[in-house]
Amino acid sequence: GLKALAIVAAKAYQNLRPAGVKVHAGAPILELGMVEEDFAEMAKAGVKLVGEIGLGSVKTGHDAAPMVKWAKKHGMTVTIHTGGPSIAGSNPISAEVVLEANPHVVGHINGGTTSMSEREIDSLVATEMALEIVHCGNGKTALYTLRRATEAGALHRIIIGNDAPSGTGVVPLGILRVIAHLASLGDVAAEAAICMATGNTARVYHLPTGVIAPGREADLCIVDAPTGSVGRTALAALKAGDLCGISMILIDGQIRIGRSRNTPPAARAAEVVKGQGPSAGGH
């Protein structure tokens, strides 16, 4: 059932794109008893991700390590839960477990929702793993992780996540809020925070998007400072702690969504000067 569900989800969303949005689905939660053939079968069927280790019966580094090796061998990107339990039935995962398991991504290093200690964060910043900072976590240790990664010359390993829906709720603007949080309260440029959420994430998960360059998929958000912000540009608004306003979204170079209904309105809205514009706004 576990493998079948992952395969069905991965295959379904290869073709199903709600409102044009690309969904990278099919991330199995590791369970005791899985063998290498299971990972080979899932990878052959198009499964490219492993869900957060620690949410299932695999919760020790000893149990996770061989499975992580098998997943990596077959081209899958692996994330592990960190910090205290997120919901009833999940497990706390310490830095020691992460180091033994050796995944690609340290999931919600600032807690999901309860953070690890600063000592544990230091030990993970010292590795080569990607470090995910999320909205539904601890704001203080988010800034601590950013500072320690800056000192270590490891900002290229910081990625930004949401970690919702969860007990914290559904947070449609979670990624944008983390960008604004890091840019305004952390010692990092707004454009660098944007890169963490886009190019860094794309590189870690092997996505053909996230960077504006020849040959990459043209998935773009057209943004500006929100109306009323002290910032006169999108970058200045983020540095001031405000969210930017989205006025248009392009997917594969095609206009799919107009003015966002969730972000504040952009001070200067994108306009279509030739061709057909979006039929309606979006979220």
Protein backbone atom coordinates (compact mmCIF):
# COMPACT_ATOMS: atom_id res chain seq x y z
CA GLY A 1 0.00 0.00 0.00
CA LEU A 2 2.79 2.46 0.86
CA LYS A 3 4.59 1.97 -2.46
CA ALA A 4 1.37 1.93 -4.45
CA LEU A 5 0.18 5.20 -2.93
CA ALA A 6 3.51 6.92 -3.66
CA ILE A 7 3.55 5.66 -7.25
CA VAL A 8 -0.07 6.64 -7.91
CA ALA A 9 0.50 10.14 -6.49
CA ALA A 10 3.69 10.66 -8.52
CA LYS A 11 2.10 9.46 -11.77
CA ALA A 12 -1.17 11.32 -11.24
CA TYR A 13 0.49 14.69 -10.74
CA GLN A 14 2.76 14.23 -13.73
CA ASN A 15 -0.38 14.97 -15.74
CA LEU A 16 -2.73 16.71 -13.29
CA ARG A 17 -1.84 20.38 -12.89
CA PRO A 18 -4.52 22.34 -10.99
CA ALA A 19 -4.61 25.87 -12.44
CA GLY A 20 -1.38 24.95 -14.21
CA VAL A 21 0.53 24.49 -10.95
CA LYS A 22 3.25 21.82 -10.90
CA VAL A 23 2.86 19.43 -7.98
CA HIS A 24 5.80 17.16 -7.12
CA ALA A 25 3.89 14.37 -5.41
CA GLY A 26 4.61 10.89 -4.12
CA ALA A 27 6.89 11.09 -1.07
CA PRO A 28 6.62 7.82 0.90
CA ILE A 29 7.05 7.83 4.67
CA LEU A 30 9.65 5.18 5.51
CA GLU A 31 8.46 2.16 7.45
CA LEU A 32 10.37 -0.72 9.03
CA GLY A 33 10.76 -3.73 6.77
CA MET A 34 11.42 -1.84 3.53
CA VAL A 35 14.23 -3.27 1.37
CA GLU A 36 16.28 -1.92 -1.52
CA GLU A 37 13.97 -3.47 -4.10
CA ASP A 38 11.16 -1.26 -2.80
CA PHE A 39 13.14 1.89 -3.57
CA ALA A 40 14.20 0.59 -6.97
CA GLU A 41 10.57 -0.15 -7.86
CA MET A 42 9.34 3.27 -6.75
CA ALA A 43 12.15 5.13 -8.52
CA LYS A 44 11.52 3.23 -11.75
CA ALA A 45 7.86 4.28 -11.54
CA GLY A 46 8.78 7.97 -11.17
CA VAL A 47 8.92 8.51 -7.40
CA LYS A 48 11.69 11.03 -6.75
CA LEU A 49 11.17 12.01 -3.11
CA VAL A 50 11.22 10.42 0.33
CA GLY A 51 8.93 12.02 2.90
CA GLU A 52 10.07 13.17 6.33
CA ILE A 53 11.85 10.35 8.10
CA GLY A 54 10.47 10.08 11.63
CA LEU A 55 6.79 10.37 10.81
CA GLY A 56 6.50 6.60 10.45
CA SER A 57 7.99 3.59 12.23
CA VAL A 58 11.55 4.43 11.12
CA LYS A 59 12.77 6.80 13.81
CA THR A 60 16.40 5.95 14.59
CA GLY A 61 19.55 6.67 12.65
CA HIS A 62 20.40 2.98 12.71
CA ASP A 63 17.14 2.04 10.97
CA ALA A 64 17.13 5.01 8.60
CA ALA A 65 20.74 4.92 7.37
CA PRO A 66 20.52 1.89 5.03
CA MET A 67 17.21 3.09 3.59
CA VAL A 68 18.66 6.54 2.94
CA LYS A 69 21.57 4.91 1.08
CA TRP A 70 19.15 2.89 -1.05
CA ALA A 71 17.04 5.96 -1.81
CA LYS A 72 20.12 7.96 -2.82
CA LYS A 73 21.39 5.10 -4.97
CA HIS A 74 18.14 5.18 -6.93
CA GLY A 75 18.07 8.96 -7.37
CA MET A 76 15.56 9.94 -4.69
CA THR A 77 15.90 13.09 -2.56
CA VAL A 78 15.53 12.39 1.16
CA THR A 79 14.26 14.69 3.93
CA ILE A 80 14.23 14.00 7.67
CA HIS A 81 12.06 15.46 10.43
CA THR A 82 13.94 17.30 13.18
CA GLY A 83 13.06 18.61 16.62
CA GLY A 84 10.11 17.61 18.77
CA PRO A 85 7.06 15.65 17.57
CA SER A 86 4.85 17.68 15.25
CA ILE A 87 1.62 15.74 15.82
CA ALA A 88 0.43 12.86 17.97
CA GLY A 89 2.07 9.67 16.76
CA SER A 90 5.18 11.29 15.29
CA ASN A 91 8.61 11.10 16.89
CA PRO A 92 11.27 13.53 18.14
CA ILE A 93 14.39 13.47 15.98
CA SER A 94 17.71 14.71 17.37
CA ALA A 95 20.76 15.94 15.48
CA GLU A 96 22.51 12.68 16.35
CA VAL A 97 19.83 10.73 14.48
CA VAL A 98 20.15 13.07 11.48
CA LEU A 99 23.93 12.70 11.37
CA GLU A 100 23.68 8.91 11.41
CA ALA A 101 20.91 8.80 8.80
CA ASN A 102 22.69 11.33 6.50
CA PRO A 103 19.75 12.54 4.36
CA HIS A 104 19.90 15.28 1.74
CA VAL A 105 17.66 17.73 3.62
CA VAL A 106 17.42 18.65 7.30
CA GLY A 107 13.69 19.29 7.44
CA HIS A 108 12.51 22.37 9.37
CA ILE A 109 15.80 22.86 11.20
CA ASN A 110 14.09 25.62 13.20
CA GLY A 111 11.38 23.27 14.40
CA GLY A 112 8.23 21.79 13.09
CA THR A 113 7.06 23.20 15.42
CA THR A 114 9.49 22.58 18.33
CA SER A 115 13.11 23.39 17.55
CA MET A 116 16.30 21.53 18.30
CA SER A 117 18.88 23.19 20.54
CA GLU A 118 21.43 25.66 19.19
CA ARG A 119 24.16 23.08 19.83
CA GLU A 120 22.35 20.59 17.61
CA ILE A 121 21.80 23.21 14.91
CA ASP A 122 25.54 23.97 14.96
CA SER A 123 26.37 20.31 14.36
CA LEU A 124 24.11 20.21 11.29
CA VAL A 125 25.32 23.51 9.85
CA ALA A 126 28.78 21.90 9.90
CA THR A 127 27.63 19.19 7.43
CA GLU A 128 26.90 19.41 3.70
CA MET A 129 23.16 18.80 4.10
CA ALA A 130 20.55 21.31 2.94
CA LEU A 131 19.05 23.24 5.87
CA GLU A 132 15.34 24.01 5.61
CA ILE A 133 13.98 27.04 7.49
CA VAL A 134 10.18 27.03 7.72
CA HIS A 135 7.30 29.31 8.63
CA CYS A 136 5.62 26.88 11.05
CA GLY A 137 8.63 26.71 13.34
CA ASN A 138 10.67 28.72 15.83
CA GLY A 139 11.42 32.26 14.65
CA LYS A 140 14.37 32.67 17.01
CA THR A 141 16.22 29.57 15.85
CA ALA A 142 15.41 30.45 12.23
CA LEU A 143 17.53 33.57 12.67
CA TYR A 144 20.16 31.61 14.63
CA THR A 145 20.46 29.09 11.78
CA LEU A 146 20.75 31.90 9.24
CA ARG A 147 23.49 33.58 11.26
CA ARG A 148 25.49 30.39 11.75
CA ALA A 149 25.13 29.45 8.07
CA THR A 150 26.35 32.92 7.09
CA GLU A 151 29.42 32.53 9.31
CA ALA A 152 30.09 29.10 7.79
CA GLY A 153 29.74 30.36 4.21
CA ALA A 154 26.80 28.00 3.77
CA LEU A 155 23.95 30.24 2.60
CA HIS A 156 23.82 28.19 -0.60
CA ARG A 157 22.52 25.31 1.56
CA ILE A 158 19.63 27.25 3.14
CA ILE A 159 16.24 26.47 1.60
CA ILE A 160 12.88 27.88 2.65
CA GLY A 161 9.78 25.84 3.38
CA ASN A 162 6.32 26.26 4.84
CA ASP A 163 5.62 23.03 6.79
CA ALA A 164 1.89 23.51 6.38
CA PRO A 165 -0.84 22.39 6.48
CA SER A 166 -0.14 21.18 9.99
CA GLY A 167 -1.34 21.82 13.50
CA THR A 168 -0.24 25.41 12.94
CA GLY A 169 -2.88 25.68 10.23
CA VAL A 170 -2.96 26.39 6.51
CA VAL A 171 -0.55 29.23 5.67
CA PRO A 172 -0.82 30.21 1.98
CA LEU A 173 1.85 32.92 2.30
CA GLY A 174 4.27 30.91 4.44
CA ILE A 175 7.18 31.03 1.99
CA LEU A 176 6.81 34.78 1.44
CA ARG A 177 6.58 35.37 5.18
CA VAL A 178 9.83 33.50 5.82
CA ILE A 179 11.55 35.50 3.08
CA ALA A 180 10.38 38.75 4.71
CA HIS A 181 11.35 37.46 8.18
CA LEU A 182 14.91 36.60 7.16
CA ALA A 183 15.38 39.73 5.03
CA SER A 184 14.09 42.14 7.68
CA LEU A 185 15.40 40.60 10.91
CA GLY A 186 18.37 38.59 9.66
CA ASP A 187 21.56 40.07 8.28
CA VAL A 188 20.87 38.99 4.71
CA ALA A 189 19.83 40.85 1.57
CA ALA A 190 16.25 40.42 0.39
CA GLU A 191 17.43 39.08 -2.96
CA ALA A 192 19.53 36.45 -1.16
CA ALA A 193 16.48 35.34 0.84
CA ILE A 194 14.54 35.01 -2.43
CA CYS A 195 17.34 32.86 -3.84
CA MET A 196 17.05 30.53 -0.84
CA ALA A 197 13.37 29.97 -1.64
CA THR A 198 13.90 29.56 -5.38
CA GLY A 199 17.29 28.61 -6.83
CA ASN A 200 18.60 26.84 -3.72
CA THR A 201 15.44 24.78 -3.41
CA ALA A 202 15.46 23.93 -7.11
CA ARG A 203 19.07 22.74 -6.92
CA VAL A 204 18.47 20.54 -3.87
CA TYR A 205 15.39 18.89 -5.38
CA HIS A 206 16.73 18.76 -8.97
CA LEU A 207 13.95 20.94 -10.39
CA PRO A 208 14.31 22.58 -13.83
CA THR A 209 12.99 25.89 -12.49
CA GLY A 210 13.86 28.39 -9.75
CA VAL A 211 16.47 30.23 -11.85
CA ILE A 212 15.99 32.64 -14.75
CA ALA A 213 18.32 31.18 -17.37
CA PRO A 214 18.20 29.72 -20.90
CA GLY A 215 16.72 26.24 -20.86
CA ARG A 216 15.01 26.58 -17.48
CA GLU A 217 11.23 26.45 -17.14
CA ALA A 218 9.72 29.95 -17.21
CA ASP A 219 7.79 29.86 -13.92
CA LEU A 220 7.68 33.47 -12.73
CA CYS A 221 5.92 35.64 -10.16
CA ILE A 222 5.54 39.32 -11.09
CA VAL A 223 5.69 41.29 -7.83
CA ASP A 224 6.09 44.79 -6.46
CA ALA A 225 5.98 46.52 -3.10
CA PRO A 226 2.48 46.35 -1.61
CA THR A 227 0.38 49.48 -1.63
CA GLY A 228 1.15 51.52 1.49
CA SER A 229 4.54 49.95 2.26
CA VAL A 230 7.46 52.13 3.34
CA GLY A 231 9.46 50.20 0.73
CA ARG A 232 9.24 51.56 -2.80
CA THR A 233 10.25 48.29 -4.47
CA ALA A 234 9.56 44.62 -3.77
CA LEU A 235 13.07 44.16 -2.35
CA ALA A 236 12.79 47.26 -0.15
CA ALA A 237 9.40 46.10 1.12
CA LEU A 238 10.77 42.68 2.07
CA LYS A 239 13.71 44.34 3.83
CA ALA A 240 11.19 46.41 5.79
CA GLY A 241 9.34 43.23 6.80
CA ASP A 242 6.38 43.62 4.43
CA LEU A 243 5.17 41.00 2.00
CA CYS A 244 5.42 41.84 -1.67
CA GLY A 245 2.24 42.02 -3.75
CA ILE A 246 1.80 39.45 -6.53
CA SER A 247 0.03 40.79 -9.60
CA MET A 248 0.72 38.02 -12.12
CA ILE A 249 2.04 34.44 -12.30
CA LEU A 250 3.46 32.77 -15.38
CA ILE A 251 3.89 29.01 -15.64
CA ASP A 252 5.95 27.69 -18.55
CA GLY A 253 5.91 31.23 -19.92
CA GLN A 254 2.12 31.39 -20.05
CA ILE A 255 0.07 33.81 -17.94
CA ARG A 256 -2.02 31.64 -15.65
CA ILE A 257 -3.01 33.85 -12.71
CA GLY A 258 -3.64 37.57 -12.30
CA ARG A 259 -3.71 39.59 -9.10
CA SER A 260 -3.34 37.48 -5.97
CA ARG A 261 -6.26 37.40 -3.57
CA ASN A 262 -3.99 36.56 -0.63
CA THR A 263 -1.14 39.04 -0.89
CA PRO A 264 -1.79 42.76 -0.48
CA PRO A 265 -2.24 44.53 -3.84
CA ALA A 266 0.95 45.47 -5.65
CA ALA A 267 1.65 49.20 -5.88
CA ARG A 268 2.35 48.73 -9.58
CA ALA A 269 0.44 45.92 -11.22
CA ALA A 270 1.71 43.96 -14.20
CA GLU A 271 -0.07 44.73 -17.45
CA VAL A 272 -0.46 42.69 -20.61
CA VAL A 273 0.47 44.91 -23.56
CA LYS A 274 0.07 42.24 -26.22
CA GLY A 275 -1.89 39.01 -26.30
CA GLN A 276 -4.41 37.60 -23.86
CA GLY A 277 -4.19 38.23 -20.14
CA PRO A 278 -5.35 36.06 -17.24
CA SER A 279 -9.04 35.26 -17.07
CA ALA A 280 -9.19 35.92 -13.33
CA GLY A 281 -7.20 36.49 -10.18
CA GLY A 282 -5.84 33.69 -8.08
CA HIS A 283 -4.67 32.83 -4.60
